[in-house]
Amino acid sequence: VVSQNLFNIFKLYSSRNFIFLEPGGNFGDAIIYQGAYKLANQANLLYEKVNFQKFMNAEYPSETVIYIHGGGGINNFWSGKPIKSLKKALSQHQGIVILGPQTFQIHNNFLDHFVKETLNQVCAEKVYLFCREMVSYEQLKNNVPANIDIFLDHDTALNLTKEDFHTKQTRGSYVLTCMRSDKELNLNQEYNFLSRWIDPITSSHIKPLSLGIVFE
């Protein structure tokens, strides 16, 4: 177990039913979800997976624990689904709400608006908010309302090992080139035509980021 603090919370409420909300994203987010489900299984949780649309149109009994998967979607340049999901959970659900390890946008007054408009509207029994890196944690720990517990923990994807993936054994050294063409790209990188074949996020009007990684 790598995300130990989150795992401890799972164990604390293991007698309750869980809703695991997948707010949406890319292949990287799918790995984050997979790591959280691995933790849930290790904690012997009973859970149901739901997507954003189903969650926004549903109500759950107060004894249910709502877990919103972590990631990097708490900002003003993605879809807004993680924020909308959290806001609904905090303002309408009267049970436990957990936000998985997350990176938060802390610039351009975004954090102030997020705290005022989302974290101050809580009717939940208990709220656990997890950050996946120190910058977000340091900014939030002195700004969140007193009725919210904030923790620092590892991204749930890091709970996965090579045994969790169905891959073929390879030999030798290889260079993996990854290009981004989404909203988190580095605008200083030049366009590389290979991105149209291997970038999981297609966006023809944005230049991608190319990284060289050597695998032994």
N, C-alpha and C. Protein backbone atom coordinates (compact mmCIF):
# COMPACT_ATOMS: atom_id res chain seq x y z
N VAL A 1 0.85 -1.19 0.00
CA VAL A 1 0.00 0.00 0.00
C VAL A 1 0.88 1.24 0.00
N VAL A 2 0.74 2.08 -1.03
CA VAL A 2 1.51 3.31 -1.12
C VAL A 2 0.70 4.48 -0.57
N SER A 3 -0.57 4.59 -0.96
CA SER A 3 -1.44 5.67 -0.45
C SER A 3 -1.99 5.27 0.91
N GLN A 4 -1.13 5.29 1.91
CA GLN A 4 -1.46 4.73 3.22
C GLN A 4 -2.54 5.51 3.95
N ASN A 5 -2.49 6.84 3.89
CA ASN A 5 -3.50 7.64 4.59
C ASN A 5 -4.90 7.39 4.02
N LEU A 6 -5.00 7.33 2.71
CA LEU A 6 -6.28 7.04 2.07
C LEU A 6 -6.75 5.63 2.42
N PHE A 7 -5.84 4.69 2.39
CA PHE A 7 -6.17 3.31 2.74
C PHE A 7 -6.73 3.23 4.16
N ASN A 8 -6.14 3.99 5.08
CA ASN A 8 -6.62 3.99 6.46
C ASN A 8 -8.05 4.50 6.56
N ILE A 9 -8.39 5.51 5.75
CA ILE A 9 -9.76 6.03 5.74
C ILE A 9 -10.71 4.98 5.16
N PHE A 10 -10.27 4.30 4.11
CA PHE A 10 -11.08 3.22 3.54
C PHE A 10 -11.39 2.17 4.61
N LYS A 11 -10.38 1.78 5.35
CA LYS A 11 -10.56 0.77 6.39
C LYS A 11 -11.49 1.27 7.49
N LEU A 12 -11.39 2.56 7.80
CA LEU A 12 -12.22 3.14 8.86
C LEU A 12 -13.70 2.99 8.55
N TYR A 13 -14.06 3.11 7.28
CA TYR A 13 -15.47 3.07 6.89
C TYR A 13 -15.79 1.81 6.07
N SER A 14 -15.02 0.75 6.26
CA SER A 14 -15.20 -0.45 5.45
C SER A 14 -16.52 -1.16 5.70
N SER A 15 -17.22 -0.81 6.77
CA SER A 15 -18.53 -1.43 7.03
C SER A 15 -19.65 -0.77 6.22
N ARG A 16 -19.35 0.33 5.55
CA ARG A 16 -20.35 1.06 4.76
C ARG A 16 -20.20 0.75 3.27
N ASN A 17 -21.26 1.02 2.52
CA ASN A 17 -21.19 0.91 1.07
C ASN A 17 -20.58 2.19 0.49
N PHE A 18 -19.80 2.03 -0.56
CA PHE A 18 -19.12 3.15 -1.21
C PHE A 18 -19.65 3.37 -2.62
N ILE A 19 -19.68 4.63 -3.01
CA ILE A 19 -19.86 5.03 -4.40
C ILE A 19 -18.52 5.58 -4.88
N PHE A 20 -17.97 5.01 -5.95
CA PHE A 20 -16.73 5.50 -6.53
C PHE A 20 -17.07 6.26 -7.80
N LEU A 21 -16.92 7.57 -7.75
CA LEU A 21 -17.29 8.42 -8.86
C LEU A 21 -16.10 8.64 -9.79
N GLU A 22 -16.28 8.32 -11.06
CA GLU A 22 -15.28 8.57 -12.10
C GLU A 22 -15.69 9.84 -12.85
N PRO A 23 -15.06 10.98 -12.55
CA PRO A 23 -15.49 12.24 -13.17
C PRO A 23 -15.09 12.38 -14.63
N GLY A 24 -14.27 11.47 -15.15
CA GLY A 24 -13.87 11.54 -16.55
C GLY A 24 -12.44 12.00 -16.71
N GLY A 25 -11.87 11.74 -17.89
CA GLY A 25 -10.49 12.13 -18.13
C GLY A 25 -9.89 11.33 -19.26
N ASN A 26 -8.57 11.06 -19.18
CA ASN A 26 -7.86 10.36 -20.23
C ASN A 26 -7.32 9.03 -19.72
N PHE A 27 -6.38 8.44 -20.46
CA PHE A 27 -5.83 7.15 -20.07
C PHE A 27 -5.08 7.23 -18.74
N GLY A 28 -4.46 8.37 -18.47
CA GLY A 28 -3.79 8.54 -17.18
C GLY A 28 -4.77 8.49 -16.02
N ASP A 29 -5.94 9.10 -16.20
CA ASP A 29 -6.96 9.06 -15.17
C ASP A 29 -7.47 7.64 -14.95
N ALA A 30 -7.54 6.85 -16.02
CA ALA A 30 -7.98 5.47 -15.88
C ALA A 30 -7.03 4.67 -14.99
N ILE A 31 -5.74 4.97 -15.05
CA ILE A 31 -4.76 4.30 -14.19
C ILE A 31 -4.93 4.76 -12.75
N ILE A 32 -5.24 6.03 -12.55
CA ILE A 32 -5.53 6.54 -11.20
C ILE A 32 -6.73 5.79 -10.61
N TYR A 33 -7.77 5.60 -11.44
CA TYR A 33 -8.94 4.86 -10.97
C TYR A 33 -8.55 3.43 -10.60
N GLN A 34 -7.76 2.81 -11.46
CA GLN A 34 -7.38 1.42 -11.23
C GLN A 34 -6.62 1.27 -9.91
N GLY A 35 -5.74 2.23 -9.61
CA GLY A 35 -5.01 2.18 -8.35
C GLY A 35 -5.92 2.34 -7.14
N ALA A 36 -6.95 3.17 -7.27
CA ALA A 36 -7.89 3.35 -6.16
C ALA A 36 -8.73 2.09 -5.95
N TYR A 37 -9.13 1.44 -7.04
CA TYR A 37 -9.90 0.20 -6.91
C TYR A 37 -9.05 -0.91 -6.28
N LYS A 38 -7.78 -0.90 -6.57
CA LYS A 38 -6.89 -1.87 -5.92
C LYS A 38 -6.88 -1.65 -4.41
N LEU A 39 -6.78 -0.39 -3.99
CA LEU A 39 -6.85 -0.07 -2.56
C LEU A 39 -8.18 -0.50 -1.96
N ALA A 40 -9.26 -0.22 -2.69
CA ALA A 40 -10.60 -0.56 -2.21
C ALA A 40 -10.74 -2.06 -2.00
N ASN A 41 -10.21 -2.82 -2.93
CA ASN A 41 -10.27 -4.27 -2.80
C ASN A 41 -9.44 -4.77 -1.63
N GLN A 42 -8.28 -4.15 -1.42
CA GLN A 42 -7.44 -4.53 -0.29
C GLN A 42 -8.10 -4.18 1.04
N ALA A 43 -8.92 -3.14 1.04
CA ALA A 43 -9.64 -2.74 2.25
C ALA A 43 -10.97 -3.47 2.40
N ASN A 44 -11.27 -4.38 1.47
CA ASN A 44 -12.51 -5.17 1.49
C ASN A 44 -13.76 -4.29 1.44
N LEU A 45 -13.72 -3.26 0.59
CA LEU A 45 -14.87 -2.38 0.46
C LEU A 45 -15.92 -2.97 -0.47
N LEU A 46 -17.17 -2.65 -0.20
CA LEU A 46 -18.26 -2.90 -1.12
C LEU A 46 -18.55 -1.59 -1.83
N TYR A 47 -18.38 -1.56 -3.15
CA TYR A 47 -18.50 -0.29 -3.86
C TYR A 47 -19.17 -0.46 -5.21
N GLU A 48 -19.72 0.66 -5.67
CA GLU A 48 -20.31 0.75 -7.01
C GLU A 48 -19.60 1.85 -7.77
N LYS A 49 -19.25 1.58 -9.04
CA LYS A 49 -18.63 2.58 -9.89
C LYS A 49 -19.72 3.35 -10.63
N VAL A 50 -19.63 4.69 -10.61
CA VAL A 50 -20.60 5.50 -11.36
C VAL A 50 -19.86 6.57 -12.14
N ASN A 51 -20.44 6.97 -13.27
CA ASN A 51 -19.87 8.07 -14.04
C ASN A 51 -20.48 9.40 -13.61
N PHE A 52 -19.98 10.46 -14.20
CA PHE A 52 -20.39 11.81 -13.82
C PHE A 52 -21.89 12.02 -14.01
N GLN A 53 -22.42 11.63 -15.17
CA GLN A 53 -23.82 11.88 -15.46
C GLN A 53 -24.74 11.15 -14.49
N LYS A 54 -24.43 9.91 -14.20
CA LYS A 54 -25.27 9.13 -13.28
C LYS A 54 -25.22 9.75 -11.88
N PHE A 55 -24.03 10.16 -11.46
CA PHE A 55 -23.90 10.74 -10.12
C PHE A 55 -24.69 12.02 -9.98
N MET A 56 -24.63 12.88 -10.99
CA MET A 56 -25.29 14.17 -10.90
C MET A 56 -26.82 14.04 -10.87
N ASN A 57 -27.34 12.91 -11.32
CA ASN A 57 -28.78 12.70 -11.34
C ASN A 57 -29.27 11.75 -10.25
N ALA A 58 -28.38 11.42 -9.30
CA ALA A 58 -28.72 10.43 -8.28
C ALA A 58 -28.66 11.04 -6.89
N GLU A 59 -29.33 10.36 -5.96
CA GLU A 59 -29.23 10.66 -4.54
C GLU A 59 -28.86 9.38 -3.81
N TYR A 60 -28.07 9.51 -2.75
CA TYR A 60 -27.59 8.34 -2.03
C TYR A 60 -27.89 8.48 -0.55
N PRO A 61 -28.20 7.37 0.12
CA PRO A 61 -28.50 7.42 1.55
C PRO A 61 -27.29 7.91 2.35
N SER A 62 -27.56 8.48 3.50
CA SER A 62 -26.51 9.11 4.29
C SER A 62 -25.45 8.13 4.78
N GLU A 63 -25.79 6.85 4.87
CA GLU A 63 -24.79 5.88 5.33
C GLU A 63 -23.81 5.49 4.22
N THR A 64 -24.06 5.95 3.00
CA THR A 64 -23.15 5.67 1.87
C THR A 64 -21.98 6.63 1.89
N VAL A 65 -20.80 6.11 1.58
CA VAL A 65 -19.59 6.94 1.46
C VAL A 65 -19.38 7.26 -0.01
N ILE A 66 -19.23 8.53 -0.33
CA ILE A 66 -18.96 8.96 -1.70
C ILE A 66 -17.47 9.24 -1.85
N TYR A 67 -16.85 8.51 -2.75
CA TYR A 67 -15.44 8.73 -3.07
C TYR A 67 -15.33 9.28 -4.48
N ILE A 68 -14.71 10.45 -4.61
CA ILE A 68 -14.47 11.07 -5.91
C ILE A 68 -13.00 10.86 -6.25
N HIS A 69 -12.74 10.20 -7.37
CA HIS A 69 -11.36 9.88 -7.74
C HIS A 69 -10.50 11.14 -7.83
N GLY A 70 -9.24 10.97 -7.45
CA GLY A 70 -8.27 12.06 -7.54
C GLY A 70 -7.79 12.28 -8.96
N GLY A 71 -6.87 13.21 -9.12
CA GLY A 71 -6.33 13.53 -10.44
C GLY A 71 -5.83 14.96 -10.49
N GLY A 72 -6.00 15.59 -11.65
CA GLY A 72 -5.54 16.97 -11.82
C GLY A 72 -6.62 17.86 -12.38
N GLY A 73 -7.88 17.57 -12.07
CA GLY A 73 -8.98 18.29 -12.69
C GLY A 73 -9.55 19.45 -11.90
N ILE A 74 -8.99 19.76 -10.73
CA ILE A 74 -9.51 20.89 -9.95
C ILE A 74 -8.82 22.16 -10.43
N ASN A 75 -9.31 22.72 -11.51
CA ASN A 75 -8.73 23.91 -12.12
C ASN A 75 -9.77 24.55 -13.02
N ASN A 76 -9.41 25.65 -13.66
CA ASN A 76 -10.37 26.37 -14.51
C ASN A 76 -10.15 26.13 -16.00
N PHE A 77 -9.34 25.10 -16.37
CA PHE A 77 -9.11 24.89 -17.79
C PHE A 77 -9.50 23.50 -18.27
N TRP A 78 -10.01 22.63 -17.38
CA TRP A 78 -10.54 21.37 -17.82
C TRP A 78 -12.06 21.42 -17.80
N SER A 79 -12.70 20.28 -17.79
CA SER A 79 -14.16 20.22 -18.00
C SER A 79 -14.97 20.79 -16.85
N GLY A 80 -14.39 20.81 -15.64
CA GLY A 80 -15.14 21.26 -14.47
C GLY A 80 -15.91 20.15 -13.78
N LYS A 81 -15.89 18.95 -14.34
CA LYS A 81 -16.66 17.85 -13.75
C LYS A 81 -16.22 17.48 -12.34
N PRO A 82 -14.91 17.42 -12.02
CA PRO A 82 -14.53 17.12 -10.64
C PRO A 82 -15.07 18.15 -9.64
N ILE A 83 -15.04 19.43 -10.02
CA ILE A 83 -15.54 20.47 -9.11
C ILE A 83 -17.05 20.36 -8.96
N LYS A 84 -17.77 20.17 -10.06
CA LYS A 84 -19.22 20.03 -10.00
C LYS A 84 -19.62 18.82 -9.17
N SER A 85 -18.88 17.73 -9.33
CA SER A 85 -19.16 16.52 -8.56
C SER A 85 -18.95 16.76 -7.07
N LEU A 86 -17.83 17.39 -6.74
CA LEU A 86 -17.52 17.65 -5.33
C LEU A 86 -18.53 18.62 -4.73
N LYS A 87 -18.88 19.64 -5.48
CA LYS A 87 -19.84 20.62 -4.97
C LYS A 87 -21.19 19.97 -4.67
N LYS A 88 -21.65 19.10 -5.57
CA LYS A 88 -22.91 18.40 -5.34
C LYS A 88 -22.81 17.50 -4.12
N ALA A 89 -21.71 16.75 -4.01
CA ALA A 89 -21.54 15.84 -2.89
C ALA A 89 -21.51 16.58 -1.56
N LEU A 90 -20.78 17.67 -1.50
CA LEU A 90 -20.63 18.41 -0.24
C LEU A 90 -21.92 19.11 0.16
N SER A 91 -22.65 19.63 -0.80
CA SER A 91 -23.82 20.44 -0.48
C SER A 91 -25.11 19.63 -0.34
N GLN A 92 -25.12 18.37 -0.85
CA GLN A 92 -26.35 17.58 -0.83
C GLN A 92 -26.26 16.26 -0.08
N HIS A 93 -25.08 15.66 -0.05
CA HIS A 93 -24.94 14.36 0.60
C HIS A 93 -24.69 14.54 2.09
N GLN A 94 -25.41 13.81 2.91
CA GLN A 94 -25.29 13.97 4.36
C GLN A 94 -24.41 12.90 5.00
N GLY A 95 -23.72 12.14 4.17
CA GLY A 95 -22.81 11.13 4.69
C GLY A 95 -21.36 11.55 4.58
N ILE A 96 -20.47 10.56 4.40
CA ILE A 96 -19.04 10.80 4.28
C ILE A 96 -18.69 11.12 2.82
N VAL A 97 -17.85 12.13 2.61
CA VAL A 97 -17.36 12.47 1.27
C VAL A 97 -15.83 12.47 1.30
N ILE A 98 -15.23 11.77 0.35
CA ILE A 98 -13.77 11.69 0.24
C ILE A 98 -13.36 12.12 -1.16
N LEU A 99 -12.46 13.07 -1.25
CA LEU A 99 -11.86 13.45 -2.53
C LEU A 99 -10.47 12.85 -2.58
N GLY A 100 -10.22 11.97 -3.55
CA GLY A 100 -8.94 11.29 -3.66
C GLY A 100 -7.79 12.24 -3.95
N PRO A 101 -6.54 11.74 -3.82
CA PRO A 101 -5.35 12.58 -3.99
C PRO A 101 -5.40 13.41 -5.27
N GLN A 102 -5.27 14.71 -5.10
CA GLN A 102 -5.59 15.68 -6.14
C GLN A 102 -4.53 16.77 -6.20
N THR A 103 -4.31 17.29 -7.40
CA THR A 103 -3.53 18.52 -7.58
C THR A 103 -4.51 19.67 -7.80
N PHE A 104 -4.32 20.77 -7.11
CA PHE A 104 -5.22 21.91 -7.18
C PHE A 104 -4.52 23.09 -7.85
N GLN A 105 -5.25 23.77 -8.69
CA GLN A 105 -4.74 25.02 -9.26
C GLN A 105 -4.72 26.07 -8.15
N ILE A 106 -3.57 26.69 -7.94
CA ILE A 106 -3.45 27.62 -6.82
C ILE A 106 -3.21 29.05 -7.27
N HIS A 107 -3.23 29.31 -8.59
CA HIS A 107 -2.94 30.65 -9.11
C HIS A 107 -4.21 31.32 -9.65
N ASN A 108 -4.08 32.59 -9.97
CA ASN A 108 -5.15 33.37 -10.61
C ASN A 108 -6.44 33.40 -9.80
N ASN A 109 -6.29 33.42 -8.48
CA ASN A 109 -7.44 33.51 -7.56
C ASN A 109 -8.37 32.30 -7.64
N PHE A 110 -7.95 31.27 -8.37
CA PHE A 110 -8.81 30.10 -8.49
C PHE A 110 -9.07 29.45 -7.15
N LEU A 111 -8.01 29.30 -6.35
CA LEU A 111 -8.15 28.61 -5.07
C LEU A 111 -9.12 29.33 -4.15
N ASP A 112 -9.08 30.66 -4.13
CA ASP A 112 -10.00 31.43 -3.30
C ASP A 112 -11.45 31.16 -3.69
N HIS A 113 -11.71 31.17 -4.98
CA HIS A 113 -13.07 30.91 -5.46
C HIS A 113 -13.50 29.47 -5.15
N PHE A 114 -12.56 28.54 -5.30
CA PHE A 114 -12.87 27.14 -5.03
C PHE A 114 -13.25 26.93 -3.57
N VAL A 115 -12.49 27.54 -2.67
CA VAL A 115 -12.78 27.40 -1.25
C VAL A 115 -14.11 28.05 -0.90
N LYS A 116 -14.35 29.25 -1.39
CA LYS A 116 -15.56 29.98 -1.05
C LYS A 116 -16.81 29.35 -1.66
N GLU A 117 -16.72 28.93 -2.92
CA GLU A 117 -17.90 28.48 -3.64
C GLU A 117 -18.17 26.98 -3.49
N THR A 118 -17.16 26.21 -3.11
CA THR A 118 -17.34 24.76 -3.03
C THR A 118 -17.15 24.24 -1.61
N LEU A 119 -16.02 24.56 -1.00
CA LEU A 119 -15.71 23.98 0.31
C LEU A 119 -16.48 24.62 1.45
N ASN A 120 -17.07 25.77 1.22
CA ASN A 120 -17.86 26.40 2.28
C ASN A 120 -19.33 26.00 2.25
N GLN A 121 -19.69 25.12 1.33
CA GLN A 121 -21.08 24.69 1.22
C GLN A 121 -21.18 23.21 1.59
N VAL A 122 -21.02 22.93 2.86
CA VAL A 122 -20.92 21.54 3.31
C VAL A 122 -22.08 21.17 4.22
N CYS A 123 -22.80 20.12 3.82
CA CYS A 123 -23.79 19.53 4.72
C CYS A 123 -23.41 18.09 5.03
N ALA A 124 -22.27 17.63 4.49
CA ALA A 124 -21.83 16.25 4.68
C ALA A 124 -21.47 15.99 6.14
N GLU A 125 -21.62 14.74 6.53
CA GLU A 125 -21.26 14.32 7.89
C GLU A 125 -19.78 14.54 8.17
N LYS A 126 -18.94 14.19 7.20
CA LYS A 126 -17.49 14.31 7.34
C LYS A 126 -16.88 14.43 5.96
N VAL A 127 -15.84 15.26 5.82
CA VAL A 127 -15.19 15.47 4.53
C VAL A 127 -13.69 15.23 4.67
N TYR A 128 -13.16 14.39 3.79
CA TYR A 128 -11.73 14.12 3.74
C TYR A 128 -11.24 14.56 2.37
N LEU A 129 -10.29 15.47 2.36
CA LEU A 129 -9.75 16.03 1.12
C LEU A 129 -8.27 15.68 1.05
N PHE A 130 -7.85 15.02 -0.03
CA PHE A 130 -6.46 14.57 -0.17
C PHE A 130 -5.74 15.35 -1.27
N CYS A 131 -4.52 15.75 -0.97
CA CYS A 131 -3.63 16.36 -1.96
C CYS A 131 -2.55 15.34 -2.31
N ARG A 132 -2.10 15.39 -3.57
CA ARG A 132 -1.09 14.41 -3.99
C ARG A 132 0.31 15.01 -4.11
N GLU A 133 0.47 16.27 -3.76
CA GLU A 133 1.81 16.88 -3.74
C GLU A 133 1.81 18.03 -2.74
N MET A 134 3.02 18.44 -2.35
CA MET A 134 3.19 19.37 -1.23
C MET A 134 2.68 20.77 -1.54
N VAL A 135 2.81 21.23 -2.78
CA VAL A 135 2.40 22.60 -3.11
C VAL A 135 0.91 22.78 -2.83
N SER A 136 0.10 21.87 -3.33
CA SER A 136 -1.34 21.96 -3.09
C SER A 136 -1.66 21.84 -1.60
N TYR A 137 -0.99 20.91 -0.95
CA TYR A 137 -1.25 20.68 0.47
C TYR A 137 -0.94 21.92 1.31
N GLU A 138 0.19 22.54 1.06
CA GLU A 138 0.59 23.72 1.84
C GLU A 138 -0.37 24.88 1.61
N GLN A 139 -0.89 25.01 0.39
CA GLN A 139 -1.81 26.10 0.10
C GLN A 139 -3.19 25.86 0.71
N LEU A 140 -3.62 24.60 0.73
CA LEU A 140 -4.97 24.32 1.20
C LEU A 140 -5.08 24.19 2.71
N LYS A 141 -4.04 23.70 3.36
CA LYS A 141 -4.18 23.34 4.77
C LYS A 141 -4.52 24.54 5.65
N ASN A 142 -4.16 25.73 5.22
CA ASN A 142 -4.47 26.93 6.02
C ASN A 142 -5.69 27.68 5.49
N ASN A 143 -6.35 27.13 4.46
CA ASN A 143 -7.47 27.83 3.85
C ASN A 143 -8.79 27.08 3.89
N VAL A 144 -8.74 25.77 4.12
CA VAL A 144 -9.98 25.00 4.11
C VAL A 144 -10.75 25.24 5.40
N PRO A 145 -12.07 25.15 5.38
CA PRO A 145 -12.88 25.31 6.59
C PRO A 145 -12.52 24.25 7.64
N ALA A 146 -12.81 24.54 8.88
CA ALA A 146 -12.42 23.67 9.99
C ALA A 146 -13.10 22.31 9.95
N ASN A 147 -14.24 22.21 9.27
CA ASN A 147 -14.97 20.95 9.23
C ASN A 147 -14.50 20.02 8.12
N ILE A 148 -13.38 20.35 7.47
CA ILE A 148 -12.80 19.51 6.42
C ILE A 148 -11.42 19.05 6.86
N ASP A 149 -11.19 17.74 6.81
CA ASP A 149 -9.87 17.18 7.13
C ASP A 149 -9.05 17.07 5.85
N ILE A 150 -7.86 17.62 5.87
CA ILE A 150 -7.01 17.61 4.68
C ILE A 150 -5.77 16.76 4.94
N PHE A 151 -5.43 15.93 3.96
CA PHE A 151 -4.29 15.03 4.08
C PHE A 151 -3.39 15.14 2.86
N LEU A 152 -2.14 14.74 3.03
CA LEU A 152 -1.18 14.61 1.94
C LEU A 152 -0.96 13.12 1.71
N ASP A 153 -1.12 12.67 0.47
CA ASP A 153 -0.92 11.25 0.18
C ASP A 153 -0.53 11.07 -1.28
N HIS A 154 -0.06 9.87 -1.60
CA HIS A 154 0.41 9.58 -2.95
C HIS A 154 -0.76 9.39 -3.91
N ASP A 155 -0.53 9.75 -5.16
CA ASP A 155 -1.47 9.47 -6.23
C ASP A 155 -1.80 7.98 -6.21
N THR A 156 -3.07 7.64 -6.37
CA THR A 156 -3.46 6.24 -6.25
C THR A 156 -2.86 5.37 -7.35
N ALA A 157 -2.49 5.96 -8.48
CA ALA A 157 -1.85 5.17 -9.55
C ALA A 157 -0.56 4.52 -9.07
N LEU A 158 0.09 5.11 -8.07
CA LEU A 158 1.36 4.59 -7.59
C LEU A 158 1.20 3.32 -6.76
N ASN A 159 -0.03 2.93 -6.48
CA ASN A 159 -0.26 1.66 -5.80
C ASN A 159 -0.17 0.48 -6.75
N LEU A 160 -0.16 0.75 -8.04
CA LEU A 160 -0.07 -0.32 -9.03
C LEU A 160 1.37 -0.77 -9.22
N THR A 161 1.53 -2.04 -9.52
CA THR A 161 2.83 -2.61 -9.85
C THR A 161 2.75 -3.24 -11.23
N LYS A 162 3.87 -3.70 -11.74
CA LYS A 162 3.87 -4.28 -13.09
C LYS A 162 2.97 -5.51 -13.17
N GLU A 163 2.75 -6.16 -12.03
CA GLU A 163 1.88 -7.33 -12.04
C GLU A 163 0.42 -6.97 -12.28
N ASP A 164 0.08 -5.69 -12.10
CA ASP A 164 -1.30 -5.25 -12.33
C ASP A 164 -1.60 -4.98 -13.80
N PHE A 165 -0.58 -5.05 -14.65
CA PHE A 165 -0.76 -4.78 -16.06
C PHE A 165 -0.47 -6.04 -16.87
N HIS A 166 -1.25 -6.25 -17.90
CA HIS A 166 -1.05 -7.39 -18.78
C HIS A 166 -0.13 -6.96 -19.93
N THR A 167 1.15 -7.14 -19.72
CA THR A 167 2.12 -6.70 -20.72
C THR A 167 3.04 -7.86 -21.11
N LYS A 168 3.59 -7.77 -22.29
CA LYS A 168 4.53 -8.78 -22.75
C LYS A 168 5.94 -8.42 -22.27
N GLN A 169 6.70 -9.45 -21.97
CA GLN A 169 8.08 -9.25 -21.54
C GLN A 169 8.92 -8.76 -22.71
N THR A 170 9.66 -7.68 -22.51
CA THR A 170 10.52 -7.14 -23.56
C THR A 170 11.98 -7.18 -23.13
N ARG A 171 12.84 -7.17 -24.09
CA ARG A 171 14.28 -7.17 -23.82
C ARG A 171 14.94 -6.00 -24.53
N GLY A 172 16.04 -5.53 -23.97
CA GLY A 172 16.79 -4.46 -24.60
C GLY A 172 16.35 -3.09 -24.14
N SER A 173 16.88 -2.06 -24.79
CA SER A 173 16.60 -0.68 -24.44
C SER A 173 15.73 -0.05 -25.52
N TYR A 174 14.78 0.77 -25.09
CA TYR A 174 13.85 1.41 -26.01
C TYR A 174 13.65 2.86 -25.60
N VAL A 175 13.40 3.69 -26.59
CA VAL A 175 13.09 5.09 -26.33
C VAL A 175 11.60 5.31 -26.58
N LEU A 176 10.89 5.76 -25.56
CA LEU A 176 9.48 6.07 -25.70
C LEU A 176 9.33 7.58 -25.82
N THR A 177 8.77 8.05 -26.93
CA THR A 177 8.53 9.47 -27.13
C THR A 177 7.06 9.75 -26.97
N CYS A 178 6.73 10.63 -26.01
CA CYS A 178 5.33 10.95 -25.72
C CYS A 178 5.08 12.41 -26.02
N MET A 179 4.08 12.69 -26.85
CA MET A 179 3.72 14.06 -27.20
C MET A 179 2.36 14.41 -26.63
N ARG A 180 2.24 15.57 -26.04
CA ARG A 180 0.96 16.04 -25.53
C ARG A 180 0.41 17.10 -26.48
N SER A 181 -0.91 17.05 -26.68
CA SER A 181 -1.56 18.08 -27.47
C SER A 181 -2.79 18.60 -26.72
N ASP A 182 -2.77 18.45 -25.39
CA ASP A 182 -3.92 18.87 -24.60
C ASP A 182 -3.60 20.19 -23.90
N LYS A 183 -4.39 20.55 -22.92
CA LYS A 183 -4.26 21.85 -22.28
C LYS A 183 -3.11 21.94 -21.29
N GLU A 184 -2.41 20.84 -21.04
CA GLU A 184 -1.26 20.85 -20.14
C GLU A 184 0.06 20.76 -20.89
N LEU A 185 0.03 20.99 -22.19
CA LEU A 185 1.25 20.91 -22.97
C LEU A 185 2.19 22.07 -22.67
N ASN A 186 3.43 21.91 -23.12
CA ASN A 186 4.44 22.96 -23.02
C ASN A 186 4.49 23.68 -24.36
N LEU A 187 4.05 24.92 -24.38
CA LEU A 187 3.94 25.66 -25.65
C LEU A 187 5.29 25.95 -26.30
N ASN A 188 6.39 25.75 -25.57
CA ASN A 188 7.71 26.00 -26.13
C ASN A 188 8.23 24.83 -26.98
N GLN A 189 7.52 23.71 -26.93
CA GLN A 189 7.95 22.55 -27.71
C GLN A 189 7.45 22.66 -29.15
N GLU A 190 8.27 22.17 -30.08
CA GLU A 190 7.89 22.19 -31.47
C GLU A 190 6.98 21.01 -31.82
N TYR A 191 6.22 21.18 -32.87
CA TYR A 191 5.28 20.14 -33.31
C TYR A 191 6.05 18.92 -33.81
N ASN A 192 5.53 17.73 -33.50
CA ASN A 192 6.11 16.48 -33.99
C ASN A 192 4.99 15.67 -34.62
N PHE A 193 5.11 15.34 -35.90
CA PHE A 193 4.01 14.69 -36.61
C PHE A 193 3.64 13.34 -36.02
N LEU A 194 4.56 12.70 -35.27
CA LEU A 194 4.26 11.39 -34.69
C LEU A 194 3.13 11.47 -33.66
N SER A 195 2.88 12.65 -33.13
CA SER A 195 1.87 12.79 -32.08
C SER A 195 0.49 12.35 -32.56
N ARG A 196 0.22 12.49 -33.85
CA ARG A 196 -1.11 12.13 -34.36
C ARG A 196 -1.35 10.62 -34.26
N TRP A 197 -0.24 9.87 -34.08
CA TRP A 197 -0.39 8.42 -34.00
C TRP A 197 -0.38 7.92 -32.56
N ILE A 198 0.36 8.55 -31.64
CA ILE A 198 0.49 7.96 -30.31
C ILE A 198 -0.03 8.85 -29.19
N ASP A 199 -0.46 10.06 -29.46
CA ASP A 199 -1.00 10.90 -28.40
C ASP A 199 -2.43 10.45 -28.10
N PRO A 200 -2.73 10.03 -26.86
CA PRO A 200 -4.10 9.59 -26.55
C PRO A 200 -5.10 10.72 -26.50
N ILE A 201 -4.63 11.96 -26.47
CA ILE A 201 -5.52 13.12 -26.44
C ILE A 201 -5.33 13.88 -27.74
N THR A 202 -6.27 13.81 -28.64
CA THR A 202 -6.11 14.44 -29.95
C THR A 202 -6.69 15.84 -29.96
N SER A 203 -5.89 16.77 -30.40
CA SER A 203 -6.34 18.15 -30.51
C SER A 203 -5.48 18.82 -31.56
N SER A 204 -5.95 18.88 -32.79
CA SER A 204 -5.12 19.26 -33.92
C SER A 204 -4.67 20.71 -33.90
N HIS A 205 -5.35 21.55 -33.11
CA HIS A 205 -5.01 22.97 -33.15
C HIS A 205 -4.04 23.38 -32.05
N ILE A 206 -3.56 22.41 -31.25
CA ILE A 206 -2.64 22.73 -30.16
C ILE A 206 -1.35 21.96 -30.36
N LYS A 207 -0.22 22.62 -30.14
CA LYS A 207 1.07 21.97 -30.31
C LYS A 207 1.32 21.00 -29.14
N PRO A 208 1.96 19.84 -29.41
CA PRO A 208 2.21 18.86 -28.37
C PRO A 208 3.57 19.03 -27.70
N LEU A 209 3.74 18.32 -26.58
CA LEU A 209 4.99 18.27 -25.84
C LEU A 209 5.64 16.92 -26.10
N SER A 210 6.93 16.92 -26.38
CA SER A 210 7.66 15.67 -26.66
C SER A 210 8.65 15.41 -25.54
N LEU A 211 8.58 14.21 -24.98
CA LEU A 211 9.50 13.81 -23.93
C LEU A 211 10.23 12.54 -24.34
N GLY A 212 11.52 12.47 -24.12
CA GLY A 212 12.26 11.25 -24.41
C GLY A 212 12.53 10.49 -23.12
N ILE A 213 12.08 9.23 -23.04
CA ILE A 213 12.26 8.41 -21.86
C ILE A 213 12.90 7.10 -22.29
N VAL A 214 13.96 6.71 -21.62
CA VAL A 214 14.67 5.49 -21.99
C VAL A 214 14.31 4.39 -21.01
N PHE A 215 13.84 3.25 -21.52
CA PHE A 215 13.50 2.09 -20.69
C PHE A 215 14.59 1.05 -20.87
N GLU A 216 15.08 0.49 -19.78
CA GLU A 216 16.08 -0.58 -19.82
C GLU A 216 15.36 -1.93 -19.65
